Amino acid sequence: AFQGGIVEVLGDIQVAAESRLAELGKTEETAKHDHRMLKQSVEAQIAADKTDMEEAKSRVAALAMLASKPWEAWSAMASSVDSVESCVRTEGSCVDPGSRVQRRGSFEEKLAGSVPLP
């Protein structure tokens, strides 16, 4: 009778240990998943921050150019203004709305390329 009790107790301990092991395995998988998601988020934020930093550097360079060569900067802006006036003058004669959007987008790209805004 005493031996049967020990075997039953050991069986109960084994069942409890296996249950706890399965529970810890699930917890570990959840932690691994959370870690992967956090890592992905941090890497995406780092990439976005690097892009922002590069844009800021180019704007600083543009501002430095404005400060060191104001005449060249003024000429670039005047050229852009002429492009705006030309686009506005032809805007009324456009038949296809898509072509207006293309022309407007093209101008914005030219303007952004000539003098980045801070």
PDB file of N, CA and C in Angstrom:
ATOM      1  N   ALA A   1       0.826  -1.190   0.000  1.00  0.00           N
ATOM      2  CA  ALA A   1       0.000   0.000   0.000  1.00  0.00           C
ATOM      3  C   ALA A   1       0.862   1.242   0.000  1.00  0.00           C
ATOM      4  N   PHE A   2       1.951   1.186   0.694  1.00  0.00           N
ATOM      5  CA  PHE A   2       2.846   2.332   0.781  1.00  0.00           C
ATOM      6  C   PHE A   2       3.510   2.604  -0.567  1.00  0.00           C
ATOM      7  N   GLN A   3       3.890   1.538  -1.301  1.00  0.00           N
ATOM      8  CA  GLN A   3       4.531   1.683  -2.592  1.00  0.00           C
ATOM      9  C   GLN A   3       3.584   2.300  -3.620  1.00  0.00           C
ATOM     10  N   GLY A   4       2.342   1.929  -3.621  1.00  0.00           N
ATOM     11  CA  GLY A   4       1.365   2.480  -4.561  1.00  0.00           C
ATOM     12  C   GLY A   4       1.184   3.966  -4.357  1.00  0.00           C
ATOM     13  N   GLY A   5       1.237   4.428  -3.128  1.00  0.00           N
ATOM     14  CA  GLY A   5       1.098   5.856  -2.836  1.00  0.00           C
ATOM     15  C   GLY A   5       2.253   6.661  -3.385  1.00  0.00           C
ATOM     16  N   ILE A   6       3.458   6.093  -3.301  1.00  0.00           N
ATOM     17  CA  ILE A   6       4.649   6.783  -3.802  1.00  0.00           C
ATOM     18  C   ILE A   6       4.580   6.902  -5.328  1.00  0.00           C
ATOM     19  N   VAL A   7       4.174   5.834  -5.992  1.00  0.00           N
ATOM     20  CA  VAL A   7       4.078   5.845  -7.447  1.00  0.00           C
ATOM     21  C   VAL A   7       3.039   6.872  -7.899  1.00  0.00           C
ATOM     22  N   GLU A   8       1.917   6.942  -7.201  1.00  0.00           N
ATOM     23  CA  GLU A   8       0.887   7.923  -7.536  1.00  0.00           C
ATOM     24  C   GLU A   8       1.385   9.348  -7.331  1.00  0.00           C
ATOM     25  N   VAL A   9       2.109   9.588  -6.244  1.00  0.00           N
ATOM     26  CA  VAL A   9       2.660  10.911  -5.961  1.00  0.00           C
ATOM     27  C   VAL A   9       3.669  11.296  -7.043  1.00  0.00           C
ATOM     28  N   LEU A  10       4.546  10.348  -7.417  1.00  0.00           N
ATOM     29  CA  LEU A  10       5.522  10.631  -8.465  1.00  0.00           C
ATOM     30  C   LEU A  10       4.829  10.902  -9.798  1.00  0.00           C
ATOM     31  N   GLY A  11       3.757  10.182 -10.094  1.00  0.00           N
ATOM     32  CA  GLY A  11       2.980  10.424 -11.316  1.00  0.00           C
ATOM     33  C   GLY A  11       2.351  11.807 -11.304  1.00  0.00           C
ATOM     34  N   ASP A  12       1.809  12.204 -10.156  1.00  0.00           N
ATOM     35  CA  ASP A  12       1.219  13.542 -10.031  1.00  0.00           C
ATOM     36  C   ASP A  12       2.276  14.633 -10.211  1.00  0.00           C
ATOM     37  N   ILE A  13       3.463  14.390  -9.631  1.00  0.00           N
ATOM     38  CA  ILE A  13       4.562  15.365  -9.758  1.00  0.00           C
ATOM     39  C   ILE A  13       4.985  15.473 -11.227  1.00  0.00           C
ATOM     40  N   GLN A  14       5.048  14.326 -11.919  1.00  0.00           N
ATOM     41  CA  GLN A  14       5.426  14.334 -13.328  1.00  0.00           C
ATOM     42  C   GLN A  14       4.402  15.105 -14.168  1.00  0.00           C
ATOM     43  N   VAL A  15       3.114  14.887 -13.925  1.00  0.00           N
ATOM     44  CA  VAL A  15       2.060  15.598 -14.665  1.00  0.00           C
ATOM     45  C   VAL A  15       2.158  17.096 -14.416  1.00  0.00           C
ATOM     46  N   ALA A  16       2.376  17.474 -13.152  1.00  0.00           N
ATOM     47  CA  ALA A  16       2.494  18.899 -12.809  1.00  0.00           C
ATOM     48  C   ALA A  16       3.722  19.514 -13.480  1.00  0.00           C
ATOM     49  N   ALA A  17       4.833  18.767 -13.492  1.00  0.00           N
ATOM     50  CA  ALA A  17       6.062  19.276 -14.101  1.00  0.00           C
ATOM     51  C   ALA A  17       5.884  19.441 -15.615  1.00  0.00           C
ATOM     52  N   GLU A  18       5.236  18.487 -16.272  1.00  0.00           N
ATOM     53  CA  GLU A  18       5.006  18.582 -17.718  1.00  0.00           C
ATOM     54  C   GLU A  18       4.074  19.742 -18.048  1.00  0.00           C
ATOM     55  N   SER A  19       3.075  19.932 -17.211  1.00  0.00           N
ATOM     56  CA  SER A  19       2.153  21.052 -17.410  1.00  0.00           C
ATOM     57  C   SER A  19       2.889  22.388 -17.271  1.00  0.00           C
ATOM     58  N   ARG A  20       3.737  22.476 -16.239  1.00  0.00           N
ATOM     59  CA  ARG A  20       4.500  23.711 -16.000  1.00  0.00           C
ATOM     60  C   ARG A  20       5.478  23.955 -17.151  1.00  0.00           C
ATOM     61  N   LEU A  21       6.106  22.872 -17.649  1.00  0.00           N
ATOM     62  CA  LEU A  21       7.040  22.983 -18.765  1.00  0.00           C
ATOM     63  C   LEU A  21       6.328  23.501 -20.017  1.00  0.00           C
ATOM     64  N   ALA A  22       5.140  22.992 -20.299  1.00  0.00           N
ATOM     65  CA  ALA A  22       4.373  23.460 -21.454  1.00  0.00           C
ATOM     66  C   ALA A  22       4.006  24.934 -21.293  1.00  0.00           C
ATOM     67  N   GLU A  23       3.630  25.308 -20.088  1.00  0.00           N
ATOM     68  CA  GLU A  23       3.278  26.710 -19.804  1.00  0.00           C
ATOM     69  C   GLU A  23       4.488  27.622 -20.011  1.00  0.00           C
ATOM     70  N   LEU A  24       5.649  27.186 -19.517  1.00  0.00           N
ATOM     71  CA  LEU A  24       6.866  27.984 -19.692  1.00  0.00           C
ATOM     72  C   LEU A  24       7.287  28.051 -21.158  1.00  0.00           C
ATOM     73  N   GLY A  25       7.043  26.980 -21.910  1.00  0.00           N
ATOM     74  CA  GLY A  25       7.350  26.992 -23.345  1.00  0.00           C
ATOM     75  C   GLY A  25       6.510  28.030 -24.065  1.00  0.00           C
ATOM     76  N   LYS A  26       5.223  28.113 -23.717  1.00  0.00           N
ATOM     77  CA  LYS A  26       4.352  29.123 -24.327  1.00  0.00           C
ATOM     78  C   LYS A  26       4.818  30.529 -23.961  1.00  0.00           C
ATOM     79  N   THR A  27       5.194  30.711 -22.699  1.00  0.00           N
ATOM     80  CA  THR A  27       5.687  32.017 -22.243  1.00  0.00           C
ATOM     81  C   THR A  27       6.952  32.395 -22.997  1.00  0.00           C
ATOM     82  N   GLU A  28       7.840  31.419 -23.202  1.00  0.00           N
ATOM     83  CA  GLU A  28       9.073  31.682 -23.924  1.00  0.00           C
ATOM     84  C   GLU A  28       8.786  32.065 -25.379  1.00  0.00           C
ATOM     85  N   GLU A  29       7.883  31.371 -26.038  1.00  0.00           N
ATOM     86  CA  GLU A  29       7.530  31.690 -27.421  1.00  0.00           C
ATOM     87  C   GLU A  29       6.935  33.097 -27.517  1.00  0.00           C
ATOM     88  N   THR A  30       6.089  33.447 -26.557  1.00  0.00           N
ATOM     89  CA  THR A  30       5.507  34.795 -26.532  1.00  0.00           C
ATOM     90  C   THR A  30       6.604  35.845 -26.366  1.00  0.00           C
ATOM     91  N   ALA A  31       7.555  35.565 -25.475  1.00  0.00           N
ATOM     92  CA  ALA A  31       8.655  36.506 -25.251  1.00  0.00           C
ATOM     93  C   ALA A  31       9.515  36.636 -26.507  1.00  0.00           C
ATOM     94  N   LYS A  32       9.778  35.522 -27.203  1.00  0.00           N
ATOM     95  CA  LYS A  32      10.559  35.584 -28.441  1.00  0.00           C
ATOM     96  C   LYS A  32       9.835  36.413 -29.504  1.00  0.00           C
ATOM     97  N   HIS A  33       8.536  36.189 -29.624  1.00  0.00           N
ATOM     98  CA  HIS A  33       7.737  36.951 -30.596  1.00  0.00           C
ATOM     99  C   HIS A  33       7.770  38.441 -30.265  1.00  0.00           C
ATOM    100  N   ASP A  34       7.554  38.768 -28.994  1.00  0.00           N
ATOM    101  CA  ASP A  34       7.586  40.171 -28.577  1.00  0.00           C
ATOM    102  C   ASP A  34       8.947  40.798 -28.865  1.00  0.00           C
ATOM    103  N   HIS A  35      10.005  40.028 -28.635  1.00  0.00           N
ATOM    104  CA  HIS A  35      11.358  40.530 -28.893  1.00  0.00           C
ATOM    105  C   HIS A  35      11.556  40.795 -30.379  1.00  0.00           C
ATOM    106  N   ARG A  36      11.098  39.873 -31.234  1.00  0.00           N
ATOM    107  CA  ARG A  36      11.230  40.078 -32.684  1.00  0.00           C
ATOM    108  C   ARG A  36      10.465  41.321 -33.121  1.00  0.00           C
ATOM    109  N   MET A  37       9.264  41.504 -32.595  1.00  0.00           N
ATOM    110  CA  MET A  37       8.459  42.665 -32.971  1.00  0.00           C
ATOM    111  C   MET A  37       9.128  43.961 -32.504  1.00  0.00           C
ATOM    112  N   LEU A  38       9.655  43.959 -31.291  1.00  0.00           N
ATOM    113  CA  LEU A  38      10.347  45.139 -30.769  1.00  0.00           C
ATOM    114  C   LEU A  38      11.587  45.442 -31.598  1.00  0.00           C
ATOM    115  N   LYS A  39      12.351  44.402 -31.936  1.00  0.00           N
ATOM    116  CA  LYS A  39      13.554  44.584 -32.745  1.00  0.00           C
ATOM    117  C   LYS A  39      13.196  45.180 -34.107  1.00  0.00           C
ATOM    118  N   GLN A  40      12.142  44.659 -34.726  1.00  0.00           N
ATOM    119  CA  GLN A  40      11.703  45.166 -36.029  1.00  0.00           C
ATOM    120  C   GLN A  40      11.290  46.632 -35.918  1.00  0.00           C
ATOM    121  N   SER A  41      10.587  46.968 -34.864  1.00  0.00           N
ATOM    122  CA  SER A  41      10.142  48.347 -34.654  1.00  0.00           C
ATOM    123  C   SER A  41      11.334  49.285 -34.462  1.00  0.00           C
ATOM    124  N   VAL A  42      12.293  48.849 -33.651  1.00  0.00           N
ATOM    125  CA  VAL A  42      13.469  49.678 -33.390  1.00  0.00           C
ATOM    126  C   VAL A  42      14.282  49.865 -34.671  1.00  0.00           C
ATOM    127  N   GLU A  43      14.444  48.788 -35.454  1.00  0.00           N
ATOM    128  CA  GLU A  43      15.191  48.901 -36.707  1.00  0.00           C
ATOM    129  C   GLU A  43      14.484  49.842 -37.688  1.00  0.00           C
ATOM    130  N   ALA A  44      13.167  49.781 -37.744  1.00  0.00           N
ATOM    131  CA  ALA A  44      12.415  50.686 -38.622  1.00  0.00           C
ATOM    132  C   ALA A  44      12.573  52.132 -38.158  1.00  0.00           C
ATOM    133  N   GLN A  45      12.544  52.350 -36.852  1.00  0.00           N
ATOM    134  CA  GLN A  45      12.708  53.703 -36.315  1.00  0.00           C
ATOM    135  C   GLN A  45      14.106  54.230 -36.615  1.00  0.00           C
ATOM    136  N   ILE A  46      15.112  53.361 -36.497  1.00  0.00           N
ATOM    137  CA  ILE A  46      16.489  53.777 -36.807  1.00  0.00           C
ATOM    138  C   ILE A  46      16.591  54.176 -38.274  1.00  0.00           C
ATOM    139  N   ALA A  47      15.995  53.391 -39.160  1.00  0.00           N
ATOM    140  CA  ALA A  47      16.025  53.711 -40.594  1.00  0.00           C
ATOM    141  C   ALA A  47      15.334  55.046 -40.864  1.00  0.00           C
ATOM    142  N   ALA A  48      14.180  55.261 -40.229  1.00  0.00           N
ATOM    143  CA  ALA A  48      13.459  56.529 -40.408  1.00  0.00           C
ATOM    144  C   ALA A  48      14.278  57.696 -39.867  1.00  0.00           C
ATOM    145  N   ASP A  49      14.930  57.497 -38.730  1.00  0.00           N
ATOM    146  CA  ASP A  49      15.753  58.557 -38.150  1.00  0.00           C
ATOM    147  C   ASP A  49      16.946  58.879 -39.045  1.00  0.00           C
ATOM    148  N   LYS A  50      17.536  57.846 -39.664  1.00  0.00           N
ATOM    149  CA  LYS A  50      18.656  58.090 -40.579  1.00  0.00           C
ATOM    150  C   LYS A  50      18.192  58.903 -41.781  1.00  0.00           C
ATOM    151  N   THR A  51      17.011  58.579 -42.306  1.00  0.00           N
ATOM    152  CA  THR A  51      16.455  59.327 -43.436  1.00  0.00           C
ATOM    153  C   THR A  51      16.223  60.781 -43.031  1.00  0.00           C
ATOM    154  N   ASP A  52      15.629  60.970 -41.853  1.00  0.00           N
ATOM    155  CA  ASP A  52      15.397  62.334 -41.359  1.00  0.00           C
ATOM    156  C   ASP A  52      16.707  63.093 -41.210  1.00  0.00           C
ATOM    157  N   MET A  53      17.737  62.405 -40.712  1.00  0.00           N
ATOM    158  CA  MET A  53      19.026  63.055 -40.511  1.00  0.00           C
ATOM    159  C   MET A  53      19.638  63.454 -41.854  1.00  0.00           C
ATOM    160  N   GLU A  54      19.532  62.579 -42.850  1.00  0.00           N
ATOM    161  CA  GLU A  54      20.064  62.914 -44.177  1.00  0.00           C
ATOM    162  C   GLU A  54      19.321  64.115 -44.777  1.00  0.00           C
ATOM    163  N   GLU A  55      17.998  64.148 -44.601  1.00  0.00           N
ATOM    164  CA  GLU A  55      17.225  65.293 -45.093  1.00  0.00           C
ATOM    165  C   GLU A  55      17.632  66.568 -44.373  1.00  0.00           C
ATOM    166  N   ALA A  56      17.848  66.473 -43.076  1.00  0.00           N
ATOM    167  CA  ALA A  56      18.262  67.649 -42.309  1.00  0.00           C
ATOM    168  C   ALA A  56      19.639  68.121 -42.766  1.00  0.00           C
ATOM    169  N   LYS A  57      20.536  67.181 -43.028  1.00  0.00           N
ATOM    170  CA  LYS A  57      21.871  67.548 -43.504  1.00  0.00           C
ATOM    171  C   LYS A  57      21.793  68.265 -44.851  1.00  0.00           C
ATOM    172  N   SER A  58      20.926  67.773 -45.740  1.00  0.00           N
ATOM    173  CA  SER A  58      20.824  68.429 -47.048  1.00  0.00           C
ATOM    174  C   SER A  58      20.220  69.822 -46.905  1.00  0.00           C
ATOM    175  N   ARG A  59      19.289  69.979 -45.975  1.00  0.00           N
ATOM    176  CA  ARG A  59      18.714  71.314 -45.750  1.00  0.00           C
ATOM    177  C   ARG A  59      19.746  72.258 -45.156  1.00  0.00           C
ATOM    178  N   VAL A  60      20.563  71.746 -44.242  1.00  0.00           N
ATOM    179  CA  VAL A  60      21.626  72.576 -43.672  1.00  0.00           C
ATOM    180  C   VAL A  60      22.594  72.983 -44.775  1.00  0.00           C
ATOM    181  N   ALA A  61      22.923  72.041 -45.655  1.00  0.00           N
ATOM    182  CA  ALA A  61      23.820  72.360 -46.772  1.00  0.00           C
ATOM    183  C   ALA A  61      23.188  73.421 -47.672  1.00  0.00           C
ATOM    184  N   ALA A  62      21.884  73.301 -47.917  1.00  0.00           N
ATOM    185  CA  ALA A  62      21.199  74.292 -48.751  1.00  0.00           C
ATOM    186  C   ALA A  62      21.206  75.659 -48.074  1.00  0.00           C
ATOM    187  N   LEU A  63      20.967  75.673 -46.779  1.00  0.00           N
ATOM    188  CA  LEU A  63      21.000  76.946 -46.059  1.00  0.00           C
ATOM    189  C   LEU A  63      22.400  77.533 -46.046  1.00  0.00           C
ATOM    190  N   ALA A  64      23.416  76.680 -45.948  1.00  0.00           N
ATOM    191  CA  ALA A  64      24.795  77.161 -46.003  1.00  0.00           C
ATOM    192  C   ALA A  64      25.083  77.769 -47.372  1.00  0.00           C
ATOM    193  N   MET A  65      24.558  77.128 -48.421  1.00  0.00           N
ATOM    194  CA  MET A  65      24.735  77.664 -49.775  1.00  0.00           C
ATOM    195  C   MET A  65      24.022  79.018 -49.888  1.00  0.00           C
ATOM    196  N   LEU A  66      22.827  79.106 -49.311  1.00  0.00           N
ATOM    197  CA  LEU A  66      22.104  80.380 -49.343  1.00  0.00           C
ATOM    198  C   LEU A  66      22.904  81.474 -48.650  1.00  0.00           C
ATOM    199  N   ALA A  67      23.517  81.105 -47.532  1.00  0.00           N
ATOM    200  CA  ALA A  67      24.271  82.100 -46.770  1.00  0.00           C
ATOM    201  C   ALA A  67      25.574  82.478 -47.474  1.00  0.00           C
ATOM    202  N   SER A  68      26.224  81.509 -48.120  1.00  0.00           N
ATOM    203  CA  SER A  68      27.528  81.800 -48.722  1.00  0.00           C
ATOM    204  C   SER A  68      27.417  82.348 -50.145  1.00  0.00           C
ATOM    205  N   LYS A  69      26.345  81.987 -50.864  1.00  0.00           N
ATOM    206  CA  LYS A  69      26.196  82.432 -52.252  1.00  0.00           C
ATOM    207  C   LYS A  69      24.767  82.925 -52.481  1.00  0.00           C
ATOM    208  N   PRO A  70      24.394  84.013 -51.893  1.00  0.00           N
ATOM    209  CA  PRO A  70      23.002  84.460 -51.995  1.00  0.00           C
ATOM    210  C   PRO A  70      22.563  84.745 -53.431  1.00  0.00           C
ATOM    211  N   TRP A  71      23.483  85.234 -54.293  1.00  0.00           N
ATOM    212  CA  TRP A  71      23.092  85.549 -55.658  1.00  0.00           C
ATOM    213  C   TRP A  71      22.688  84.288 -56.415  1.00  0.00           C
ATOM    214  N   GLU A  72      23.450  83.194 -56.254  1.00  0.00           N
ATOM    215  CA  GLU A  72      23.123  81.937 -56.928  1.00  0.00           C
ATOM    216  C   GLU A  72      21.789  81.390 -56.408  1.00  0.00           C
ATOM    217  N   ALA A  73      21.568  81.511 -55.114  1.00  0.00           N
ATOM    218  CA  ALA A  73      20.307  81.045 -54.535  1.00  0.00           C
ATOM    219  C   ALA A  73      19.144  81.868 -55.077  1.00  0.00           C
ATOM    220  N   TRP A  74      19.337  83.177 -55.167  1.00  0.00           N
ATOM    221  CA  TRP A  74      18.277  84.035 -55.687  1.00  0.00           C
ATOM    222  C   TRP A  74      17.976  83.688 -57.134  1.00  0.00           C
ATOM    223  N   SER A  75      19.011  83.418 -57.928  1.00  0.00           N
ATOM    224  CA  SER A  75      18.825  83.058 -59.335  1.00  0.00           C
ATOM    225  C   SER A  75      18.031  81.765 -59.462  1.00  0.00           C
ATOM    226  N   ALA A  76      18.343  80.789 -58.621  1.00  0.00           N
ATOM    227  CA  ALA A  76      17.621  79.505 -58.651  1.00  0.00           C
ATOM    228  C   ALA A  76      16.156  79.715 -58.292  1.00  0.00           C
ATOM    229  N   MET A  77      15.903  80.565 -57.296  1.00  0.00           N
ATOM    230  CA  MET A  77      14.522  80.823 -56.896  1.00  0.00           C
ATOM    231  C   MET A  77      13.786  81.607 -57.981  1.00  0.00           C
ATOM    232  N   ALA A  78      14.452  82.557 -58.605  1.00  0.00           N
ATOM    233  CA  ALA A  78      13.818  83.337 -59.675  1.00  0.00           C
ATOM    234  C   ALA A  78      13.466  82.427 -60.843  1.00  0.00           C
ATOM    235  N   SER A  79      14.339  81.495 -61.149  1.00  0.00           N
ATOM    236  CA  SER A  79      14.067  80.528 -62.218  1.00  0.00           C
ATOM    237  C   SER A  79      12.849  79.684 -61.863  1.00  0.00           C
ATOM    238  N   SER A  80      12.739  79.312 -60.612  1.00  0.00           N
ATOM    239  CA  SER A  80      11.586  78.528 -60.166  1.00  0.00           C
ATOM    240  C   SER A  80      10.302  79.345 -60.258  1.00  0.00           C
ATOM    241  N   VAL A  81      10.375  80.623 -59.931  1.00  0.00           N
ATOM    242  CA  VAL A  81       9.201  81.493 -60.026  1.00  0.00           C
ATOM    243  C   VAL A  81       8.758  81.614 -61.478  1.00  0.00           C
ATOM    244  N   ASP A  82       9.721  81.738 -62.392  1.00  0.00           N
ATOM    245  CA  ASP A  82       9.382  81.775 -63.814  1.00  0.00           C
ATOM    246  C   ASP A  82       8.664  80.493 -64.222  1.00  0.00           C
ATOM    247  N   SER A  83       9.098  79.369 -63.692  1.00  0.00           N
ATOM    248  CA  SER A  83       8.447  78.088 -63.998  1.00  0.00           C
ATOM    249  C   SER A  83       7.021  78.066 -63.476  1.00  0.00           C
ATOM    250  N   VAL A  84       6.811  78.658 -62.298  1.00  0.00           N
ATOM    251  CA  VAL A  84       5.462  78.716 -61.722  1.00  0.00           C
ATOM    252  C   VAL A  84       4.563  79.561 -62.610  1.00  0.00           C
ATOM    253  N   GLU A  85       5.065  80.726 -62.997  1.00  0.00           N
ATOM    254  CA  GLU A  85       4.261  81.607 -63.839  1.00  0.00           C
ATOM    255  C   GLU A  85       3.913  80.928 -65.158  1.00  0.00           C
ATOM    256  N   SER A  86       4.859  80.223 -65.745  1.00  0.00           N
ATOM    257  CA  SER A  86       4.610  79.510 -66.995  1.00  0.00           C
ATOM    258  C   SER A  86       3.561  78.425 -66.796  1.00  0.00           C
ATOM    259  N   CYS A  87       3.651  77.694 -65.702  1.00  0.00           N
ATOM    260  CA  CYS A  87       2.686  76.628 -65.418  1.00  0.00           C
ATOM    261  C   CYS A  87       1.300  77.220 -65.180  1.00  0.00           C
ATOM    262  N   VAL A  88       1.227  78.332 -64.465  1.00  0.00           N
ATOM    263  CA  VAL A  88      -0.061  78.965 -64.179  1.00  0.00           C
ATOM    264  C   VAL A  88      -0.689  79.483 -65.461  1.00  0.00           C
ATOM    265  N   ARG A  89       0.124  80.088 -66.345  1.00  0.00           N
ATOM    266  CA  ARG A  89      -0.395  80.604 -67.609  1.00  0.00           C
ATOM    267  C   ARG A  89      -0.969  79.478 -68.467  1.00  0.00           C
ATOM    268  N   THR A  90      -0.340  78.310 -68.495  1.00  0.00           N
ATOM    269  CA  THR A  90      -0.810  77.210 -69.337  1.00  0.00           C
ATOM    270  C   THR A  90      -1.868  76.370 -68.631  1.00  0.00           C
ATOM    271  N   GLU A  91      -2.062  76.588 -67.360  1.00  0.00           N
ATOM    272  CA  GLU A  91      -3.031  75.796 -66.579  1.00  0.00           C
ATOM    273  C   GLU A  91      -4.429  75.887 -67.171  1.00  0.00           C
ATOM    274  N   GLY A  92      -4.841  77.072 -67.574  1.00  0.00           N
ATOM    275  CA  GLY A  92      -6.192  77.243 -68.092  1.00  0.00           C
ATOM    276  C   GLY A  92      -6.418  76.547 -69.421  1.00  0.00           C
ATOM    277  N   SER A  93      -5.365  76.325 -70.194  1.00  0.00           N
ATOM    278  CA  SER A  93      -5.537  75.709 -71.505  1.00  0.00           C
ATOM    279  C   SER A  93      -5.431  74.189 -71.462  1.00  0.00           C
ATOM    280  N   CYS A  94      -5.172  73.632 -70.308  1.00  0.00           N
ATOM    281  CA  CYS A  94      -5.046  72.176 -70.202  1.00  0.00           C
ATOM    282  C   CYS A  94      -6.417  71.536 -70.310  1.00  0.00           C
ATOM    283  N   VAL A  95      -6.500  70.453 -71.057  1.00  0.00           N
ATOM    284  CA  VAL A  95      -7.759  69.741 -71.224  1.00  0.00           C
ATOM    285  C   VAL A  95      -7.822  68.572 -70.259  1.00  0.00           C
ATOM    286  N   ASP A  96      -6.725  67.863 -70.110  1.00  0.00           N
ATOM    287  CA  ASP A  96      -6.680  66.666 -69.283  1.00  0.00           C
ATOM    288  C   ASP A  96      -6.241  67.027 -67.864  1.00  0.00           C
ATOM    289  N   PRO A  97      -7.112  66.811 -66.858  1.00  0.00           N
ATOM    290  CA  PRO A  97      -6.723  67.148 -65.482  1.00  0.00           C
ATOM    291  C   PRO A  97      -5.467  66.417 -65.045  1.00  0.00           C
ATOM    292  N   GLY A  98      -5.243  65.215 -65.561  1.00  0.00           N
ATOM    293  CA  GLY A  98      -4.044  64.465 -65.205  1.00  0.00           C
ATOM    294  C   GLY A  98      -2.777  65.172 -65.639  1.00  0.00           C
ATOM    295  N   SER A  99      -2.839  65.843 -66.805  1.00  0.00           N
ATOM    296  CA  SER A  99      -1.653  66.546 -67.285  1.00  0.00           C
ATOM    297  C   SER A  99      -1.339  67.736 -66.387  1.00  0.00           C
ATOM    298  N   ARG A 100      -2.382  68.377 -65.841  1.00  0.00           N
ATOM    299  CA  ARG A 100      -2.136  69.486 -64.906  1.00  0.00           C
ATOM    300  C   ARG A 100      -1.425  68.969 -63.669  1.00  0.00           C
ATOM    301  N   VAL A 101      -1.885  67.842 -63.178  1.00  0.00           N
ATOM    302  CA  VAL A 101      -1.268  67.276 -61.975  1.00  0.00           C
ATOM    303  C   VAL A 101       0.174  66.905 -62.267  1.00  0.00           C
ATOM    304  N   GLN A 102       0.414  66.324 -63.441  1.00  0.00           N
ATOM    305  CA  GLN A 102       1.781  65.969 -63.799  1.00  0.00           C
ATOM    306  C   GLN A 102       2.652  67.215 -63.885  1.00  0.00           C
ATOM    307  N   ARG A 103       2.154  68.246 -64.521  1.00  0.00           N
ATOM    308  CA  ARG A 103       2.944  69.453 -64.665  1.00  0.00           C
ATOM    309  C   ARG A 103       3.194  70.076 -63.296  1.00  0.00           C
ATOM    310  N   ARG A 104       2.168  70.085 -62.453  1.00  0.00           N
ATOM    311  CA  ARG A 104       2.320  70.656 -61.118  1.00  0.00           C
ATOM    312  C   ARG A 104       3.345  69.847 -60.328  1.00  0.00           C
ATOM    313  N   GLY A 105       3.252  68.517 -60.400  1.00  0.00           N
ATOM    314  CA  GLY A 105       4.200  67.666 -59.687  1.00  0.00           C
ATOM    315  C   GLY A 105       5.610  67.879 -60.195  1.00  0.00           C
ATOM    316  N   SER A 106       5.742  68.033 -61.496  1.00  0.00           N
ATOM    317  CA  SER A 106       7.042  68.251 -62.084  1.00  0.00           C
ATOM    318  C   SER A 106       7.634  69.568 -61.579  1.00  0.00           C
ATOM    319  N   PHE A 107       6.811  70.605 -61.509  1.00  0.00           N
ATOM    320  CA  PHE A 107       7.292  71.884 -61.006  1.00  0.00           C
ATOM    321  C   PHE A 107       7.732  71.767 -59.553  1.00  0.00           C
ATOM    322  N   GLU A 108       6.898  71.072 -58.741  1.00  0.00           N
ATOM    323  CA  GLU A 108       7.251  70.928 -57.332  1.00  0.00           C
ATOM    324  C   GLU A 108       8.576  70.209 -57.179  1.00  0.00           C
ATOM    325  N   GLU A 109       8.820  69.212 -58.039  1.00  0.00           N
ATOM    326  CA  GLU A 109      10.095  68.515 -57.980  1.00  0.00           C
ATOM    327  C   GLU A 109      11.233  69.456 -58.352  1.00  0.00           C
ATOM    328  N   LYS A 110      11.019  70.304 -59.369  1.00  0.00           N
ATOM    329  CA  LYS A 110      12.057  71.258 -59.755  1.00  0.00           C
ATOM    330  C   LYS A 110      12.335  72.237 -58.621  1.00  0.00           C
ATOM    331  N   LEU A 111      11.269  72.728 -58.013  1.00  0.00           N
ATOM    332  CA  LEU A 111      11.425  73.673 -56.917  1.00  0.00           C
ATOM    333  C   LEU A 111      12.140  73.024 -55.752  1.00  0.00           C
ATOM    334  N   ALA A 112      11.744  71.813 -55.404  1.00  0.00           N
ATOM    335  CA  ALA A 112      12.375  71.116 -54.280  1.00  0.00           C
ATOM    336  C   ALA A 112      13.839  70.836 -54.596  1.00  0.00           C
ATOM    337  N   GLY A 113      14.148  70.574 -55.855  1.00  0.00           N
ATOM    338  CA  GLY A 113      15.537  70.303 -56.224  1.00  0.00           C
ATOM    339  C   GLY A 113      16.402  71.541 -56.224  1.00  0.00           C
ATOM    340  N   SER A 114      15.831  72.709 -56.504  1.00  0.00           N
ATOM    341  CA  SER A 114      16.640  73.920 -56.592  1.00  0.00           C
ATOM    342  C   SER A 114      16.932  74.519 -55.231  1.00  0.00           C
ATOM    343  N   VAL A 115      15.938  74.626 -54.386  1.00  0.00           N
ATOM    344  CA  VAL A 115      16.137  75.224 -53.066  1.00  0.00           C
ATOM    345  C   VAL A 115      15.274  74.469 -52.053  1.00  0.00           C
ATOM    346  N   PRO A 116      15.872  73.528 -51.313  1.00  0.00           N
ATOM    347  CA  PRO A 116      15.070  72.815 -50.307  1.00  0.00           C
ATOM    348  C   PRO A 116      14.579  73.773 -49.237  1.00  0.00           C
ATOM    349  N   LEU A 117      13.334  73.597 -48.850  1.00  0.00           N
ATOM    350  CA  LEU A 117      12.767  74.452 -47.822  1.00  0.00           C
ATOM    351  C   LEU A 117      13.104  73.902 -46.456  1.00  0.00           C
ATOM    352  N   PRO A 118      13.383  74.788 -45.487  1.00  0.00           N
ATOM    353  CA  PRO A 118      13.740  74.305 -44.141  1.00  0.00           C
ATOM    354  C   PRO A 118      12.543  73.730 -43.417  1.00  0.00           C
TER     355      PRO A 118
END
